[in-house]
C-alpha atoms as a PDB file:
ATOM      1  CA  MET A   1     -32.632  13.516 -24.607  1.00  0.00           C
ATOM      2  CA  SER A   2     -35.255  14.318 -22.006  1.00  0.00           C
ATOM      3  CA  LEU A   3     -35.790  17.764 -20.554  1.00  0.00           C
ATOM      4  CA  TYR A   4     -36.940  18.372 -17.014  1.00  0.00           C
ATOM      5  CA  VAL A   5     -38.565  21.601 -15.879  1.00  0.00           C
ATOM      6  CA  ALA A   6     -39.133  23.077 -12.445  1.00  0.00           C
ATOM      7  CA  ARG A   7     -40.679  26.309 -11.249  1.00  0.00           C
ATOM      8  CA  SER A   8     -38.116  28.833 -10.104  1.00  0.00           C
ATOM      9  CA  SER A   9     -38.253  29.809  -6.447  1.00  0.00           C
ATOM     10  CA  ALA A  10     -37.427  33.386  -7.477  1.00  0.00           C
ATOM     11  CA  VAL A  11     -40.972  34.155  -8.654  1.00  0.00           C
ATOM     12  CA  ALA A  12     -44.366  35.044  -7.288  1.00  0.00           C
ATOM     13  CA  ALA A  13     -47.323  33.420  -9.081  1.00  0.00           C
ATOM     14  CA  ARG A  14     -51.115  33.479  -8.949  1.00  0.00           C
ATOM     15  CA  ALA A  15     -53.771  31.669 -10.969  1.00  0.00           C
ATOM     16  CA  LEU A  16     -56.347  33.939 -12.575  1.00  0.00           C
ATOM     17  CA  GLU A  17     -59.160  32.658 -14.799  1.00  0.00           C
ATOM     18  CA  GLY A  18     -57.271  29.657 -16.204  1.00  0.00           C
ATOM     19  CA  GLU A  19     -53.996  31.491 -16.675  1.00  0.00           C
ATOM     20  CA  MET A  20     -51.012  32.152 -14.443  1.00  0.00           C
ATOM     21  CA  ILE A  21     -49.642  35.556 -13.640  1.00  0.00           C
ATOM     22  CA  VAL A  22     -45.950  35.200 -12.767  1.00  0.00           C
ATOM     23  CA  MET A  23     -43.592  37.916 -11.556  1.00  0.00           C
ATOM     24  CA  SER A  24     -39.856  37.458 -11.601  1.00  0.00           C
ATOM     25  CA  THR A  25     -38.359  38.688  -8.342  1.00  0.00           C
ATOM     26  CA  ARG A  26     -35.059  39.019 -10.211  1.00  0.00           C
ATOM     27  CA  ASP A  27     -36.206  42.015 -12.272  1.00  0.00           C
ATOM     28  CA  SER A  28     -39.912  42.501 -11.368  1.00  0.00           C
ATOM     29  CA  THR A  29     -40.988  41.485 -14.876  1.00  0.00           C
ATOM     30  CA  LEU A  30     -44.598  40.326 -15.082  1.00  0.00           C
ATOM     31  CA  PHE A  31     -45.645  37.415 -17.312  1.00  0.00           C
ATOM     32  CA  THR A  32     -49.087  36.096 -18.211  1.00  0.00           C
ATOM     33  CA  LEU A  33     -48.952  32.420 -19.132  1.00  0.00           C
ATOM     34  CA  ASN A  34     -51.578  31.126 -21.548  1.00  0.00           C
ATOM     35  CA  GLU A  35     -53.496  27.898 -20.843  1.00  0.00           C
ATOM     36  CA  VAL A  36     -50.823  25.629 -22.339  1.00  0.00           C
ATOM     37  CA  ALA A  37     -47.946  27.338 -20.534  1.00  0.00           C
ATOM     38  CA  THR A  38     -50.010  27.242 -17.333  1.00  0.00           C
ATOM     39  CA  GLU A  39     -50.424  23.457 -17.680  1.00  0.00           C
ATOM     40  CA  ILE A  40     -46.654  23.108 -18.056  1.00  0.00           C
ATOM     41  CA  TRP A  41     -46.035  25.485 -15.126  1.00  0.00           C
ATOM     42  CA  GLN A  42     -48.346  23.553 -12.834  1.00  0.00           C
ATOM     43  CA  ALA A  43     -46.773  20.195 -13.776  1.00  0.00           C
ATOM     44  CA  ALA A  44     -43.161  21.465 -13.609  1.00  0.00           C
ATOM     45  CA  ASP A  45     -41.996  19.479 -10.608  1.00  0.00           C
ATOM     46  CA  GLY A  46     -38.399  18.902 -11.765  1.00  0.00           C
ATOM     47  CA  ARG A  47     -38.881  15.116 -11.690  1.00  0.00           C
ATOM     48  CA  THR A  48     -41.316  14.528 -14.561  1.00  0.00           C
ATOM     49  CA  PRO A  49     -39.818  14.692 -18.076  1.00  0.00           C
ATOM     50  CA  LEU A  50     -41.318  17.447 -20.230  1.00  0.00           C
ATOM     51  CA  GLU A  51     -42.264  14.829 -22.824  1.00  0.00           C
ATOM     52  CA  GLU A  52     -44.431  13.061 -20.227  1.00  0.00           C
ATOM     53  CA  ILE A  53     -46.065  16.351 -19.190  1.00  0.00           C
ATOM     54  CA  VAL A  54     -46.879  17.058 -22.838  1.00  0.00           C
ATOM     55  CA  GLU A  55     -48.283  13.570 -23.481  1.00  0.00           C
ATOM     56  CA  ARG A  56     -50.355  13.319 -20.282  1.00  0.00           C
ATOM     57  CA  SER A  57     -51.614  16.883 -20.085  1.00  0.00           C
ATOM     58  CA  ILE A  58     -51.133  19.041 -23.174  1.00  0.00           C
ATOM     59  CA  CYS A  59     -52.022  16.465 -25.867  1.00  0.00           C
ATOM     60  CA  VAL A  60     -55.053  15.198 -23.972  1.00  0.00           C
ATOM     61  CA  LYS A  61     -56.453  18.561 -22.958  1.00  0.00           C
ATOM     62  CA  PHE A  62     -55.756  20.453 -26.191  1.00  0.00           C
ATOM     63  CA  ASP A  63     -55.994  17.627 -28.793  1.00  0.00           C
ATOM     64  CA  VAL A  64     -52.632  18.359 -30.374  1.00  0.00           C
ATOM     65  CA  GLU A  65     -50.067  16.110 -32.089  1.00  0.00           C
ATOM     66  CA  PRO A  66     -47.338  14.998 -29.627  1.00  0.00           C
ATOM     67  CA  ALA A  67     -44.236  15.889 -31.682  1.00  0.00           C
ATOM     68  CA  ALA A  68     -45.472  19.400 -32.482  1.00  0.00           C
ATOM     69  CA  ALA A  69     -46.653  19.930 -28.905  1.00  0.00           C
ATOM     70  CA  LEU A  70     -43.270  18.853 -27.531  1.00  0.00           C
ATOM     71  CA  ARG A  71     -41.374  21.214 -29.862  1.00  0.00           C
ATOM     72  CA  ASP A  72     -43.605  24.113 -28.820  1.00  0.00           C
ATOM     73  CA  ALA A  73     -43.334  23.182 -25.132  1.00  0.00           C
ATOM     74  CA  GLU A  74     -39.534  23.021 -25.311  1.00  0.00           C
ATOM     75  CA  GLU A  75     -39.402  26.453 -26.949  1.00  0.00           C
ATOM     76  CA  CYS A  76     -41.803  27.907 -24.367  1.00  0.00           C
ATOM     77  CA  CYS A  77     -39.803  26.436 -21.469  1.00  0.00           C
ATOM     78  CA  ARG A  78     -36.490  27.735 -22.818  1.00  0.00           C
ATOM     79  CA  LYS A  79     -37.958  31.237 -23.180  1.00  0.00           C
ATOM     80  CA  LEU A  80     -39.316  31.154 -19.622  1.00  0.00           C
ATOM     81  CA  ALA A  81     -35.974  29.802 -18.380  1.00  0.00           C
ATOM     82  CA  ALA A  82     -34.190  32.723 -20.058  1.00  0.00           C
ATOM     83  CA  HIS A  83     -36.281  35.035 -17.865  1.00  0.00           C
ATOM     84  CA  GLY A  84     -35.673  32.988 -14.703  1.00  0.00           C
ATOM     85  CA  ILE A  85     -39.279  31.759 -14.523  1.00  0.00           C
ATOM     86  CA  LEU A  86     -38.528  28.054 -15.059  1.00  0.00           C
ATOM     87  CA  LEU A  87     -35.456  25.916 -14.532  1.00  0.00           C
ATOM     88  CA  VAL A  88     -34.635  23.563 -17.434  1.00  0.00           C
ATOM     89  CA  SER A  89     -32.226  20.625 -17.225  1.00  0.00           C
ATOM     90  CA  GLU A  90     -31.341  17.385 -18.996  1.00  0.00           C
ATOM     91  CA  GLN A  91     -31.374  15.717 -15.556  1.00  0.00           C
ATOM     92  CA  PRO A  92     -34.108  15.653 -12.898  1.00  0.00           C
ATOM     93  CA  ILE A  93     -34.018  18.832 -10.822  1.00  0.00           C
ATOM     94  CA  VAL A  94     -33.680  18.293  -7.080  1.00  0.00           C
ATOM     95  CA  PRO A  95     -35.066  21.183  -5.001  1.00  0.00           C
ATOM     96  CA  GLY A  96     -32.388  22.929  -2.944  1.00  0.00           C
ATOM     97  CA  ALA A  97     -29.533  21.113  -4.688  1.00  0.00           C
END
């Protein structure tokens, strides 16, 4: 099963020194994403499977084992989705649909 992730439109985000600062407009909660979460955030287009994002970006940039990186990425994405920061789906995510 593939997971797809997309940035929520209900957030405000800014890059700051290699990390992302993201504020949920739903409840004004502020999040600081570390370098790995920032890579996922920036690649979260709703069309690219999370596994591909991990293999092409996370594993290459951070020299980490793919299976472990994917497990960690899935957990991170689900936590951010619970706060309305990311959208997570088993199908590609079409903007505005």
